[in-house]
Amino acid sequence: RPILDHYSLPLLDQLISITTGATLMSYALYTLAEQPIRKFGDNLWLTLPIVIYIVFRYFYLVYALGQGSDPSRMLLTDKPLLISVFVWVAAAFLLVYHSVLFG
């Protein structure tokens, strides 16, 4: 991408680290939030390890295997990443569905 020529790799690595930390912290706080912030899914915090795995797997693919040029292709071709996304969707759905029915 031509725009990336204007940024140094150390700067981009720092920005990725900051953004990743903020994203994981935001998701963790959201899943642990009390009611009016989050209406359904009292046990959504159980999905946090799955999200952490997804982020770490993504960084492994980008940094260790150099597959960061096409994230959508990476998602569709890397089986562990794709399976973990499906597991997260299923877990979140079941936890929210269970909370709506029995909460």
N, C-alpha and C. Protein backbone atom coordinates (compact mmCIF):
# COMPACT_ATOMS: atom_id res chain seq x y z
N ARG A 1 0.85 -1.17 0.00
CA ARG A 1 0.00 0.00 0.00
C ARG A 1 0.89 1.24 0.00
N PRO A 2 0.69 2.14 -0.91
CA PRO A 2 1.57 3.30 -1.02
C PRO A 2 1.56 4.21 0.21
N ILE A 3 0.46 4.31 0.88
CA ILE A 3 0.40 5.20 2.06
C ILE A 3 1.33 4.73 3.17
N LEU A 4 1.60 3.44 3.21
CA LEU A 4 2.46 2.91 4.27
C LEU A 4 3.91 3.36 4.12
N ASP A 5 4.28 3.86 2.95
CA ASP A 5 5.63 4.38 2.76
C ASP A 5 5.89 5.62 3.63
N HIS A 6 4.83 6.27 4.08
CA HIS A 6 4.96 7.47 4.90
C HIS A 6 5.14 7.16 6.38
N TYR A 7 5.04 5.91 6.76
CA TYR A 7 5.15 5.50 8.16
C TYR A 7 6.32 4.54 8.33
N SER A 8 6.99 4.65 9.45
CA SER A 8 8.08 3.71 9.72
C SER A 8 7.51 2.44 10.34
N LEU A 9 8.21 1.33 10.15
CA LEU A 9 7.75 0.06 10.73
C LEU A 9 7.71 0.09 12.26
N PRO A 10 8.70 0.69 12.94
CA PRO A 10 8.59 0.76 14.40
C PRO A 10 7.35 1.53 14.88
N LEU A 11 7.01 2.60 14.16
CA LEU A 11 5.81 3.36 14.53
C LEU A 11 4.56 2.52 14.35
N LEU A 12 4.47 1.82 13.22
CA LEU A 12 3.30 0.97 12.98
C LEU A 12 3.21 -0.15 14.00
N ASP A 13 4.34 -0.73 14.38
CA ASP A 13 4.33 -1.77 15.40
C ASP A 13 3.84 -1.23 16.74
N GLN A 14 4.25 -0.03 17.10
CA GLN A 14 3.78 0.59 18.34
C GLN A 14 2.28 0.86 18.28
N LEU A 15 1.82 1.38 17.15
CA LEU A 15 0.39 1.67 17.01
C LEU A 15 -0.44 0.39 17.07
N ILE A 16 0.06 -0.68 16.48
CA ILE A 16 -0.64 -1.97 16.54
C ILE A 16 -0.70 -2.47 17.99
N SER A 17 0.40 -2.33 18.72
CA SER A 17 0.42 -2.77 20.13
C SER A 17 -0.58 -1.98 20.97
N ILE A 18 -0.60 -0.68 20.78
CA ILE A 18 -1.53 0.17 21.54
C ILE A 18 -2.98 -0.17 21.19
N THR A 19 -3.25 -0.30 19.90
CA THR A 19 -4.61 -0.59 19.46
C THR A 19 -5.07 -1.96 19.93
N THR A 20 -4.18 -2.93 19.88
CA THR A 20 -4.52 -4.28 20.34
C THR A 20 -4.86 -4.28 21.83
N GLY A 21 -4.03 -3.65 22.63
CA GLY A 21 -4.30 -3.57 24.06
C GLY A 21 -5.62 -2.88 24.36
N ALA A 22 -5.87 -1.77 23.66
CA ALA A 22 -7.12 -1.04 23.87
C ALA A 22 -8.33 -1.87 23.42
N THR A 23 -8.18 -2.59 22.33
CA THR A 23 -9.28 -3.42 21.83
C THR A 23 -9.61 -4.55 22.80
N LEU A 24 -8.59 -5.25 23.26
CA LEU A 24 -8.83 -6.35 24.20
C LEU A 24 -9.39 -5.84 25.53
N MET A 25 -8.87 -4.72 26.00
CA MET A 25 -9.38 -4.15 27.26
C MET A 25 -10.83 -3.69 27.09
N SER A 26 -11.15 -3.07 25.98
CA SER A 26 -12.52 -2.63 25.74
C SER A 26 -13.48 -3.81 25.68
N TYR A 27 -13.07 -4.87 24.99
CA TYR A 27 -13.93 -6.05 24.90
C TYR A 27 -14.11 -6.69 26.28
N ALA A 28 -13.03 -6.77 27.04
CA ALA A 28 -13.12 -7.35 28.39
C ALA A 28 -14.05 -6.52 29.26
N LEU A 29 -13.90 -5.21 29.22
CA LEU A 29 -14.77 -4.35 30.04
C LEU A 29 -16.23 -4.44 29.59
N TYR A 30 -16.44 -4.54 28.28
CA TYR A 30 -17.80 -4.67 27.77
C TYR A 30 -18.44 -5.96 28.25
N THR A 31 -17.70 -7.06 28.19
CA THR A 31 -18.28 -8.34 28.58
C THR A 31 -18.54 -8.42 30.08
N LEU A 32 -17.82 -7.62 30.84
CA LEU A 32 -18.01 -7.61 32.30
C LEU A 32 -18.95 -6.51 32.77
N ALA A 33 -19.42 -5.69 31.86
CA ALA A 33 -20.26 -4.54 32.22
C ALA A 33 -21.61 -4.99 32.79
N GLU A 34 -22.12 -4.17 33.64
CA GLU A 34 -23.43 -4.43 34.24
C GLU A 34 -24.54 -4.00 33.28
N GLN A 35 -25.77 -4.25 33.65
CA GLN A 35 -26.95 -3.94 32.84
C GLN A 35 -27.02 -2.48 32.52
N PRO A 36 -27.36 -1.45 32.42
CA PRO A 36 -27.90 -0.84 31.20
C PRO A 36 -26.91 -0.74 30.04
N ILE A 37 -25.63 -0.95 30.28
CA ILE A 37 -24.65 -0.85 29.19
C ILE A 37 -24.83 -2.02 28.23
N ARG A 38 -25.00 -3.21 28.77
CA ARG A 38 -25.12 -4.41 27.96
C ARG A 38 -26.37 -5.14 28.39
N LYS A 39 -27.32 -5.28 27.50
CA LYS A 39 -28.62 -5.82 27.87
C LYS A 39 -28.63 -7.33 28.07
N PHE A 40 -27.93 -8.07 27.25
CA PHE A 40 -28.04 -9.53 27.28
C PHE A 40 -26.67 -10.18 27.40
N GLY A 41 -26.66 -11.39 27.85
CA GLY A 41 -25.44 -12.18 27.88
C GLY A 41 -24.62 -11.96 29.13
N ASP A 42 -25.13 -12.39 30.27
CA ASP A 42 -24.43 -12.20 31.54
C ASP A 42 -23.08 -12.91 31.59
N ASN A 43 -22.90 -13.92 30.80
CA ASN A 43 -21.66 -14.69 30.83
C ASN A 43 -20.80 -14.50 29.58
N LEU A 44 -20.94 -13.35 28.94
CA LEU A 44 -20.14 -13.09 27.74
C LEU A 44 -18.64 -13.05 28.03
N TRP A 45 -18.28 -12.85 29.27
CA TRP A 45 -16.86 -12.84 29.62
C TRP A 45 -16.21 -14.18 29.30
N LEU A 46 -17.02 -15.24 29.18
CA LEU A 46 -16.48 -16.55 28.85
C LEU A 46 -15.91 -16.59 27.42
N THR A 47 -16.30 -15.63 26.58
CA THR A 47 -15.78 -15.59 25.22
C THR A 47 -14.44 -14.85 25.13
N LEU A 48 -14.00 -14.25 26.20
CA LEU A 48 -12.76 -13.48 26.18
C LEU A 48 -11.53 -14.31 25.76
N PRO A 49 -11.34 -15.52 26.27
CA PRO A 49 -10.18 -16.31 25.79
C PRO A 49 -10.22 -16.59 24.29
N ILE A 50 -11.41 -16.77 23.75
CA ILE A 50 -11.53 -17.01 22.30
C ILE A 50 -11.08 -15.77 21.53
N VAL A 51 -11.51 -14.60 21.97
CA VAL A 51 -11.12 -13.35 21.31
C VAL A 51 -9.61 -13.14 21.41
N ILE A 52 -9.05 -13.41 22.56
CA ILE A 52 -7.60 -13.27 22.73
C ILE A 52 -6.87 -14.22 21.78
N TYR A 53 -7.35 -15.45 21.68
CA TYR A 53 -6.74 -16.40 20.75
C TYR A 53 -6.82 -15.89 19.31
N ILE A 54 -7.98 -15.37 18.92
CA ILE A 54 -8.15 -14.87 17.55
C ILE A 54 -7.15 -13.76 17.25
N VAL A 55 -7.00 -12.83 18.17
CA VAL A 55 -6.06 -11.72 17.97
C VAL A 55 -4.63 -12.24 17.90
N PHE A 56 -4.27 -13.12 18.82
CA PHE A 56 -2.91 -13.66 18.82
C PHE A 56 -2.64 -14.50 17.58
N ARG A 57 -3.61 -15.28 17.13
CA ARG A 57 -3.44 -16.07 15.90
C ARG A 57 -3.23 -15.16 14.71
N TYR A 58 -4.00 -14.07 14.66
CA TYR A 58 -3.86 -13.11 13.57
C TYR A 58 -2.44 -12.53 13.55
N PHE A 59 -1.95 -12.13 14.71
CA PHE A 59 -0.59 -11.58 14.77
C PHE A 59 0.46 -12.63 14.42
N TYR A 60 0.24 -13.87 14.79
CA TYR A 60 1.16 -14.93 14.41
C TYR A 60 1.22 -15.05 12.89
N LEU A 61 0.06 -15.03 12.26
CA LEU A 61 0.02 -15.15 10.80
C LEU A 61 0.69 -13.96 10.13
N VAL A 62 0.49 -12.77 10.68
CA VAL A 62 1.06 -11.57 10.08
C VAL A 62 2.56 -11.50 10.30
N TYR A 63 3.00 -11.66 11.55
CA TYR A 63 4.41 -11.43 11.88
C TYR A 63 5.29 -12.66 11.66
N ALA A 64 4.83 -13.83 12.00
CA ALA A 64 5.67 -15.02 11.87
C ALA A 64 5.62 -15.62 10.46
N LEU A 65 4.46 -15.56 9.84
CA LEU A 65 4.32 -16.18 8.52
C LEU A 65 4.23 -15.17 7.38
N GLY A 66 4.16 -13.87 7.71
CA GLY A 66 4.14 -12.83 6.68
C GLY A 66 2.93 -12.84 5.79
N GLN A 67 1.76 -13.14 6.34
CA GLN A 67 0.54 -13.23 5.55
C GLN A 67 -0.38 -12.03 5.71
N GLY A 68 0.15 -10.88 6.04
CA GLY A 68 -0.69 -9.73 6.36
C GLY A 68 -1.18 -8.92 5.18
N SER A 69 -0.86 -9.31 3.95
CA SER A 69 -1.23 -8.47 2.82
C SER A 69 -2.73 -8.50 2.50
N ASP A 70 -3.41 -9.60 2.81
CA ASP A 70 -4.84 -9.72 2.51
C ASP A 70 -5.57 -10.35 3.69
N PRO A 71 -6.03 -9.54 4.66
CA PRO A 71 -6.66 -10.09 5.87
C PRO A 71 -7.90 -10.94 5.59
N SER A 72 -8.70 -10.56 4.60
CA SER A 72 -9.91 -11.35 4.33
C SER A 72 -9.55 -12.73 3.79
N ARG A 73 -8.53 -12.80 2.94
CA ARG A 73 -8.09 -14.11 2.44
C ARG A 73 -7.51 -14.94 3.58
N MET A 74 -6.78 -14.27 4.46
CA MET A 74 -6.19 -14.96 5.61
C MET A 74 -7.29 -15.58 6.47
N LEU A 75 -8.35 -14.83 6.71
CA LEU A 75 -9.46 -15.34 7.52
C LEU A 75 -10.11 -16.55 6.87
N LEU A 76 -10.25 -16.52 5.57
CA LEU A 76 -10.95 -17.60 4.88
C LEU A 76 -10.07 -18.82 4.61
N THR A 77 -8.75 -18.67 4.65
CA THR A 77 -7.88 -19.79 4.32
C THR A 77 -7.19 -20.42 5.53
N ASP A 78 -7.10 -19.71 6.63
CA ASP A 78 -6.47 -20.26 7.82
C ASP A 78 -7.52 -20.98 8.67
N LYS A 79 -7.46 -22.29 8.69
CA LYS A 79 -8.50 -23.08 9.38
C LYS A 79 -8.59 -22.79 10.87
N PRO A 80 -7.48 -22.73 11.62
CA PRO A 80 -7.61 -22.42 13.04
C PRO A 80 -8.28 -21.07 13.31
N LEU A 81 -7.94 -20.08 12.49
CA LEU A 81 -8.55 -18.76 12.67
C LEU A 81 -10.03 -18.79 12.33
N LEU A 82 -10.37 -19.43 11.24
CA LEU A 82 -11.77 -19.53 10.81
C LEU A 82 -12.60 -20.31 11.83
N ILE A 83 -12.08 -21.41 12.31
CA ILE A 83 -12.79 -22.21 13.32
C ILE A 83 -12.99 -21.41 14.60
N SER A 84 -11.97 -20.68 15.03
CA SER A 84 -12.10 -19.90 16.26
C SER A 84 -13.12 -18.78 16.11
N VAL A 85 -13.23 -18.20 14.93
CA VAL A 85 -14.27 -17.18 14.71
C VAL A 85 -15.66 -17.82 14.80
N PHE A 86 -15.82 -18.98 14.19
CA PHE A 86 -17.10 -19.68 14.29
C PHE A 86 -17.41 -20.08 15.73
N VAL A 87 -16.41 -20.52 16.47
CA VAL A 87 -16.61 -20.87 17.88
C VAL A 87 -17.04 -19.64 18.67
N TRP A 88 -16.40 -18.49 18.40
CA TRP A 88 -16.77 -17.27 19.10
C TRP A 88 -18.21 -16.87 18.78
N VAL A 89 -18.59 -16.92 17.51
CA VAL A 89 -19.97 -16.57 17.11
C VAL A 89 -20.96 -17.50 17.79
N ALA A 90 -20.68 -18.79 17.77
CA ALA A 90 -21.59 -19.76 18.39
C ALA A 90 -21.68 -19.55 19.89
N ALA A 91 -20.54 -19.34 20.54
CA ALA A 91 -20.53 -19.14 22.00
C ALA A 91 -21.28 -17.87 22.36
N ALA A 92 -21.03 -16.79 21.65
CA ALA A 92 -21.72 -15.53 21.95
C ALA A 92 -23.22 -15.68 21.72
N PHE A 93 -23.60 -16.34 20.63
CA PHE A 93 -25.02 -16.55 20.36
C PHE A 93 -25.68 -17.37 21.46
N LEU A 94 -25.05 -18.47 21.84
CA LEU A 94 -25.63 -19.33 22.88
C LEU A 94 -25.71 -18.62 24.23
N LEU A 95 -24.69 -17.85 24.57
CA LEU A 95 -24.72 -17.14 25.85
C LEU A 95 -25.79 -16.05 25.87
N VAL A 96 -25.94 -15.33 24.78
CA VAL A 96 -26.97 -14.29 24.71
C VAL A 96 -28.35 -14.95 24.66
N TYR A 97 -28.51 -15.99 23.87
CA TYR A 97 -29.78 -16.70 23.76
C TYR A 97 -30.19 -17.28 25.11
N HIS A 98 -29.24 -17.86 25.80
CA HIS A 98 -29.52 -18.43 27.13
C HIS A 98 -29.92 -17.32 28.11
N SER A 99 -29.27 -16.19 28.01
CA SER A 99 -29.58 -15.06 28.90
C SER A 99 -30.97 -14.51 28.62
N VAL A 100 -31.35 -14.46 27.35
CA VAL A 100 -32.68 -13.94 26.99
C VAL A 100 -33.77 -14.89 27.47
N LEU A 101 -33.56 -16.19 27.31
CA LEU A 101 -34.58 -17.16 27.70
C LEU A 101 -34.65 -17.39 29.20
N PHE A 102 -33.49 -17.49 29.82
CA PHE A 102 -33.48 -17.90 31.22
C PHE A 102 -32.98 -16.83 32.17
N GLY A 103 -32.60 -15.68 31.63
CA GLY A 103 -32.00 -14.63 32.44
C GLY A 103 -32.97 -13.90 33.26
